[in-house]
Structure formats: C-alpha cells, structure tokens
C-alpha cells in the first residue's frame, strides 16, 4: 500500500503538489476563521438586575423591591438558580440560566418581565435595569484615580463624565463601573421652622426645584419660509442660581427657595466605598 502511494506521488507529482498547496491554503484560512477565545466562558449564562430604591431600608428593599422582581422573573424558562442581595437603597438580583441556553434570548425574556413589574414598584423606586452583557471573566482591569488638588467629588465627576464615555468607546470594552468618590448633587435641605414661618409646604419646595432645574421644549414658530425651533436655556445649574428660585409671593414680597432651605453642592448618600491599593 505504501509503495503504491509513493509511486502515485512520484508519477503525478504535479497533482500532489497542487493538492498539498490547496490543503495548506485551506488550513491557513481556517485558522483565521476558527471561533476561539483566550478567555472561554466557563460559567453558565447570567443576567444581573440592579434596582435603586433611594431612602428605603434593607428590609423594605427586600419586601417591596426584590421579592416582586423575583416573583416576576421566576416564570422565565431555563432558570437554574436565582440569587439576590438587598441593601439600603439598592437591590441586586442575579439570574443564572442552564448551560447551553442563548444569553440573548434569556435577556430578552427577562426584559419582558421587568417591563411588567416596573409599574408595580413603590413610588420613588427607579425602574429595574439589566447590567451590560459581559463575559464570565468579569472585570479585567481596575484603574484608580488620585489627585493632590481635586476633591473626591471632582474626581468622581471626572470619572463619570469624561473617562467613562471614552473607555466605553474603546473596542472590546462592554461595561465600565465607577465606584468610590462622591457623586455631586444639588441638595435642598429644608428648614422646618422657616417652612412654618412662611406657610410653605414641602411639596411646593420640591415642585419649585423641579421647575427650576428641568429642561423643557420651547416649541417652534412657523414663518412663510421656515420653521424656527425655540430652545430654552433658563434652568438653574448651580446652587446659587437654584437658591434664587421664587416659591410664593408673601406679604408683597417674593419668598425664595434659599429663604426656607439651604441649597448647596453636596455628595449623594453613598451605598459603598472603594480603595486603591
């Protein structure tokens, strides 16, 4: 048999060389097209759901937020297990599916259930959100920011509004999570005695603050030749501007927001912390 193969190869050496070249080209092409990964998925498909519930305690988050979401998701087919964690102001649910299921179909099924349960959550609770799709290797790089001149609030603002969008624009980056620092807020800290003195309710203060900081469309004006779009730019962007918002007219004078509350740039209540080692 071996002698026959050798004889055939010598006699038809042109054909053998051509076949060898064709197999070599096919092998090189297959190497570039083969679906391989340096970090293969070794864990089952998972979907993480986060729901912010400002002002609620851990027990309230568990009863009013986590359990309704779990009850809505339990009916999704292919679920292997369901894990949850309820802390002050935050609910985190991890849905683990069986091996072999399509993660995109799993996320679609979970998204449909979340859209129905969002309207059943208490007032003030933000809609449940699924975290971006990532591999099982999770986070592959941790970056810490320090500065001798910037405050924690300044560093967090830089990370949220400058670094994060640029990192997400990098090819292959699926998600960027920012931890630590201080999230800037325009806080209106009520003074109960002044509220009673001027006869102003908390609801009036909240409504005035929303109107002063909100962005609303100005509509448009039609002319015989064109349509002119109006853009409003009167919202308050600083604590000083917000404190000058008119609440009510009292005894011939205007009662400002700064007369009944302390308006300041302050950090949002933190639900965690981060350290650089």
Protein backbone atom coordinates (compact mmCIF):
# COMPACT_ATOMS: atom_id res chain seq x y z
CA UNK A 1 0.00 0.00 0.00
CA UNK A 2 2.79 2.39 0.93
CA UNK A 3 4.67 1.54 -2.25
CA UNK A 4 1.57 2.35 -4.31
CA UNK A 5 1.16 5.74 -2.62
CA UNK A 6 4.82 6.61 -3.18
CA UNK A 7 4.65 5.51 -6.81
CA UNK A 8 1.47 7.51 -7.40
CA UNK A 9 3.02 10.62 -5.80
CA UNK A 10 6.15 10.36 -7.95
CA UNK A 11 4.20 9.75 -11.14
CA UNK A 12 1.67 12.53 -10.57
CA UNK A 13 3.86 14.88 -8.57
CA UNK A 14 2.24 17.97 -10.10
CA UNK A 15 -1.18 16.90 -8.89
CA UNK A 16 0.19 16.06 -5.42
CA UNK A 17 1.88 19.48 -5.13
CA UNK A 18 -1.35 21.21 -6.19
CA UNK A 19 -3.42 19.27 -3.66
CA UNK A 20 -0.86 19.99 -0.94
CA UNK A 21 -0.94 23.71 -1.71
CA UNK A 22 -4.77 23.70 -1.67
CA UNK A 23 -4.86 21.96 1.74
CA UNK A 24 -2.26 24.39 3.10
CA UNK A 25 -4.28 27.41 1.92
CA UNK A 26 -7.46 25.93 3.42
CA UNK A 27 -5.69 25.35 6.73
CA UNK A 28 -4.39 28.91 6.92
CA UNK A 29 -7.85 30.27 6.10
CA UNK A 30 -9.44 28.07 8.76
CA UNK A 31 -7.04 29.36 11.42
CA UNK A 32 -8.23 32.94 10.84
CA UNK A 33 -11.90 31.94 10.84
CA UNK A 34 -11.97 29.49 13.73
CA UNK A 35 -14.08 30.80 16.71
CA UNK A 36 -11.60 30.71 19.57
CA UNK A 37 -11.25 32.80 22.73
CA UNK A 38 -8.41 33.46 25.12
CA UNK A 39 -10.99 33.61 27.94
CA UNK A 40 -13.66 30.99 27.18
CA UNK A 41 -16.96 31.07 29.05
CA UNK A 42 -16.69 28.53 31.88
CA UNK A 43 -19.81 29.67 33.77
CA UNK A 44 -23.48 29.40 32.79
CA UNK A 45 -25.29 32.41 31.25
CA UNK A 46 -26.12 35.03 33.86
CA UNK A 47 -28.25 38.18 33.93
CA UNK A 48 -27.74 40.78 36.67
CA UNK A 49 -30.54 43.21 37.59
CA UNK A 50 -29.99 46.33 39.68
CA UNK A 51 -32.76 48.50 41.12
CA UNK A 52 -32.14 51.71 43.03
CA UNK A 53 -34.57 52.50 45.85
CA UNK A 54 -33.45 55.76 47.48
CA UNK A 55 -34.48 56.16 51.11
CA UNK A 56 -35.60 52.57 51.72
CA UNK A 57 -34.01 50.39 54.38
CA UNK A 58 -32.64 46.92 53.65
CA UNK A 59 -35.81 45.23 54.91
CA UNK A 60 -38.04 47.50 52.83
CA UNK A 61 -35.90 46.90 49.74
CA UNK A 62 -36.22 43.13 50.25
CA UNK A 63 -40.01 43.17 50.69
CA UNK A 64 -41.06 45.97 48.33
CA UNK A 65 -38.48 45.67 45.53
CA UNK A 66 -36.53 42.41 45.49
CA UNK A 67 -39.39 39.97 46.12
CA UNK A 68 -41.77 41.44 43.46
CA UNK A 69 -39.00 41.31 40.85
CA UNK A 70 -38.09 37.74 41.82
CA UNK A 71 -41.75 36.67 41.58
CA UNK A 72 -42.00 38.18 38.09
CA UNK A 73 -38.79 36.51 36.85
CA UNK A 74 -39.40 33.07 38.36
CA UNK A 75 -41.58 32.03 35.43
CA UNK A 76 -38.86 32.51 32.80
CA UNK A 77 -37.89 29.18 31.26
CA UNK A 78 -34.35 27.88 31.60
CA UNK A 79 -33.57 29.39 35.01
CA UNK A 80 -31.13 27.31 37.04
CA UNK A 81 -31.00 29.47 40.18
CA UNK A 82 -31.90 32.92 41.45
CA UNK A 83 -29.73 34.91 43.86
CA UNK A 84 -30.45 38.32 45.36
CA UNK A 85 -28.93 40.88 47.71
CA UNK A 86 -30.86 43.71 49.32
CA UNK A 87 -29.01 46.58 50.95
CA UNK A 88 -30.00 50.10 51.87
CA UNK A 89 -31.27 51.79 48.73
CA UNK A 90 -30.23 49.03 46.30
CA UNK A 91 -31.48 45.64 45.12
CA UNK A 92 -29.21 43.30 43.15
CA UNK A 93 -30.62 40.11 41.58
CA UNK A 94 -28.54 37.55 39.67
CA UNK A 95 -30.41 35.14 37.39
CA UNK A 96 -28.41 32.03 36.45
CA UNK A 97 -29.60 30.03 33.42
CA UNK A 98 -28.79 26.47 32.42
CA UNK A 99 -25.75 25.70 30.26
CA UNK A 100 -26.44 25.84 26.55
CA UNK A 101 -29.17 28.49 26.60
CA UNK A 102 -28.92 31.53 24.36
CA UNK A 103 -27.93 34.51 26.52
CA UNK A 104 -29.62 36.95 24.14
CA UNK A 105 -32.94 35.11 24.35
CA UNK A 106 -32.52 34.92 28.13
CA UNK A 107 -32.01 38.67 28.38
CA UNK A 108 -34.99 39.30 26.13
CA UNK A 109 -37.24 37.13 28.31
CA UNK A 110 -36.05 38.86 31.49
CA UNK A 111 -36.51 42.29 29.90
CA UNK A 112 -40.13 41.50 29.04
CA UNK A 113 -40.85 40.50 32.64
CA UNK A 114 -39.13 43.61 34.02
CA UNK A 115 -41.29 45.89 31.86
CA UNK A 116 -44.41 44.50 33.52
CA UNK A 117 -43.17 44.70 37.11
CA UNK A 118 -41.74 48.25 36.85
CA UNK A 119 -45.18 49.82 37.32
CA UNK A 120 -45.85 47.78 40.47
CA UNK A 121 -42.86 49.08 42.42
CA UNK A 122 -43.33 51.80 45.10
CA UNK A 123 -43.17 55.46 44.18
CA UNK A 124 -39.63 56.80 44.09
CA UNK A 125 -38.05 53.46 43.13
CA UNK A 126 -36.20 53.65 39.83
CA UNK A 127 -37.01 51.12 37.06
CA UNK A 128 -35.03 47.85 37.22
CA UNK A 129 -32.03 47.78 34.88
CA UNK A 130 -30.03 44.88 33.49
CA UNK A 131 -26.28 45.33 33.63
CA UNK A 132 -24.41 45.20 30.29
CA UNK A 133 -23.58 41.82 28.83
CA UNK A 134 -20.05 40.75 29.77
CA UNK A 135 -18.02 37.54 29.72
CA UNK A 136 -17.65 35.30 32.73
CA UNK A 137 -14.16 36.67 33.29
CA UNK A 138 -15.93 39.81 34.57
CA UNK A 139 -13.64 42.75 35.26
CA UNK A 140 -10.22 42.52 33.64
CA UNK A 141 -8.76 45.87 34.70
CA UNK A 142 -9.08 48.14 37.73
CA UNK A 143 -7.99 51.77 37.48
CA UNK A 144 -7.61 54.11 40.45
CA UNK A 145 -7.67 57.91 40.36
CA UNK A 146 -5.81 60.13 42.82
CA UNK A 147 -5.15 63.86 42.84
CA UNK A 148 -3.42 66.25 45.24
CA UNK A 149 -5.68 69.12 44.15
CA UNK A 150 -9.06 67.62 43.18
CA UNK A 151 -11.65 66.66 45.78
CA UNK A 152 -13.42 63.29 45.86
CA UNK A 153 -16.42 64.94 44.22
CA UNK A 154 -14.27 66.40 41.47
CA UNK A 155 -12.60 63.05 40.78
CA UNK A 156 -15.97 61.26 40.63
CA UNK A 157 -17.35 63.88 38.23
CA UNK A 158 -14.27 63.48 36.02
CA UNK A 159 -14.63 59.70 36.06
CA UNK A 160 -18.38 59.74 35.27
CA UNK A 161 -18.46 62.37 32.56
CA UNK A 162 -15.00 62.24 30.93
CA UNK A 163 -13.21 58.94 31.47
CA UNK A 164 -16.18 56.56 31.36
CA UNK A 165 -17.52 57.66 27.91
CA UNK A 166 -14.03 57.47 26.41
CA UNK A 167 -13.37 54.00 27.82
CA UNK A 168 -16.72 52.74 26.53
CA UNK A 169 -15.71 53.94 23.06
CA UNK A 170 -12.75 51.55 23.08
CA UNK A 171 -13.33 48.40 21.04
CA UNK A 172 -13.94 45.35 23.23
CA UNK A 173 -15.00 47.28 26.35
CA UNK A 174 -18.50 46.12 27.31
CA UNK A 175 -19.00 47.98 30.58
CA UNK A 176 -17.31 50.47 32.88
CA UNK A 177 -18.31 50.63 36.52
CA UNK A 178 -17.33 53.62 38.65
CA UNK A 179 -17.01 53.13 42.41
CA UNK A 180 -15.97 55.40 45.23
CA UNK A 181 -15.72 59.15 45.32
CA UNK A 182 -18.65 61.48 45.90
CA UNK A 183 -21.50 61.90 43.42
CA UNK A 184 -22.34 65.60 43.07
CA UNK A 185 -25.89 66.69 43.82
CA UNK A 186 -27.75 69.96 44.14
CA UNK A 187 -29.31 69.36 47.55
CA UNK A 188 -32.20 71.32 49.04
CA UNK A 189 -32.01 70.89 52.82
CA UNK A 190 -35.27 72.04 54.40
CA UNK A 191 -35.54 74.29 57.44
CA UNK A 192 -38.81 73.23 59.19
CA UNK A 193 -39.10 76.42 61.22
CA UNK A 194 -38.88 78.64 58.13
CA UNK A 195 -41.36 76.46 56.25
CA UNK A 196 -43.88 77.04 59.03
CA UNK A 197 -42.99 80.73 59.27
CA UNK A 198 -43.70 81.41 55.59
CA UNK A 199 -46.52 78.86 55.25
CA UNK A 200 -44.78 76.86 52.54
CA UNK A 201 -45.22 73.10 52.17
CA UNK A 202 -42.56 70.57 51.27
CA UNK A 203 -44.44 69.72 48.05
CA UNK A 204 -44.22 73.36 46.93
CA UNK A 205 -40.47 73.40 47.54
CA UNK A 206 -39.97 70.16 45.56
CA UNK A 207 -42.13 71.41 42.69
CA UNK A 208 -40.25 74.71 42.52
CA UNK A 209 -36.87 72.94 42.50
CA UNK A 210 -38.01 70.63 39.69
CA UNK A 211 -39.26 73.52 37.58
CA UNK A 212 -36.04 75.47 38.11
CA UNK A 213 -33.73 72.60 37.13
CA UNK A 214 -35.85 70.90 34.49
CA UNK A 215 -35.34 71.17 30.73
CA UNK A 216 -38.47 71.80 28.69
CA UNK A 217 -39.01 72.29 25.00
CA UNK A 218 -39.88 75.78 23.76
CA UNK A 219 -41.78 74.67 20.66
CA UNK A 220 -41.34 76.44 17.34
CA UNK A 221 -42.51 79.41 15.28
CA UNK A 222 -43.82 78.98 11.75
CA UNK A 223 -42.93 81.56 9.12
CA UNK A 224 -43.82 81.56 5.41
CA UNK A 225 -40.32 80.30 4.60
CA UNK A 226 -39.15 78.18 7.51
CA UNK A 227 -39.81 76.73 10.94
CA UNK A 228 -37.77 78.29 13.77
CA UNK A 229 -37.19 75.98 16.72
CA UNK A 230 -37.06 77.63 20.16
CA UNK A 231 -34.58 76.35 22.73
CA UNK A 232 -34.90 77.23 26.43
CA UNK A 233 -31.75 77.73 28.50
CA UNK A 234 -33.10 79.10 31.75
CA UNK A 235 -32.62 76.12 34.07
CA UNK A 236 -30.58 76.57 37.23
CA UNK A 237 -27.24 74.79 37.13
CA UNK A 238 -25.60 75.98 40.35
CA UNK A 239 -26.64 76.11 43.98
CA UNK A 240 -26.61 79.93 43.97
CA UNK A 241 -28.98 80.09 40.98
CA UNK A 242 -31.30 77.47 42.46
CA UNK A 243 -31.48 79.30 45.80
CA UNK A 244 -32.89 82.37 44.00
CA UNK A 245 -35.92 80.44 42.69
CA UNK A 246 -39.21 82.11 43.64
CA UNK A 247 -41.52 79.90 45.70
CA UNK A 248 -44.53 82.07 46.55
CA UNK A 249 -45.47 85.70 46.99
CA UNK A 250 -45.92 86.59 50.68
CA UNK A 251 -46.94 89.99 52.10
CA UNK A 252 -45.96 91.81 48.92
CA UNK A 253 -42.54 90.15 48.61
CA UNK A 254 -41.12 87.05 46.98
CA UNK A 255 -40.21 84.04 49.09
CA UNK A 256 -37.13 82.42 47.59
CA UNK A 257 -36.03 78.84 47.85
CA UNK A 258 -32.98 79.96 49.80
CA UNK A 259 -35.24 81.58 52.42
CA UNK A 260 -36.75 78.27 53.54
CA UNK A 261 -33.93 75.81 52.77
CA UNK A 262 -30.19 75.52 52.46
CA UNK A 263 -29.25 74.94 48.83
CA UNK A 264 -25.75 73.55 48.38
CA UNK A 265 -23.49 71.31 46.31
CA UNK A 266 -23.19 68.14 48.37
CA UNK A 267 -22.37 64.47 47.91
CA UNK A 268 -25.13 61.94 47.39
CA UNK A 269 -25.59 59.39 50.20
CA UNK A 270 -23.10 56.60 49.50
CA UNK A 271 -24.06 52.92 49.45
CA UNK A 272 -20.49 51.64 49.22
CA UNK A 273 -16.86 52.62 49.05
CA UNK A 274 -13.68 51.88 47.10
CA UNK A 275 -9.99 51.90 47.94
CA UNK A 276 -6.76 52.00 45.92
CA UNK A 277 -4.03 49.54 46.93
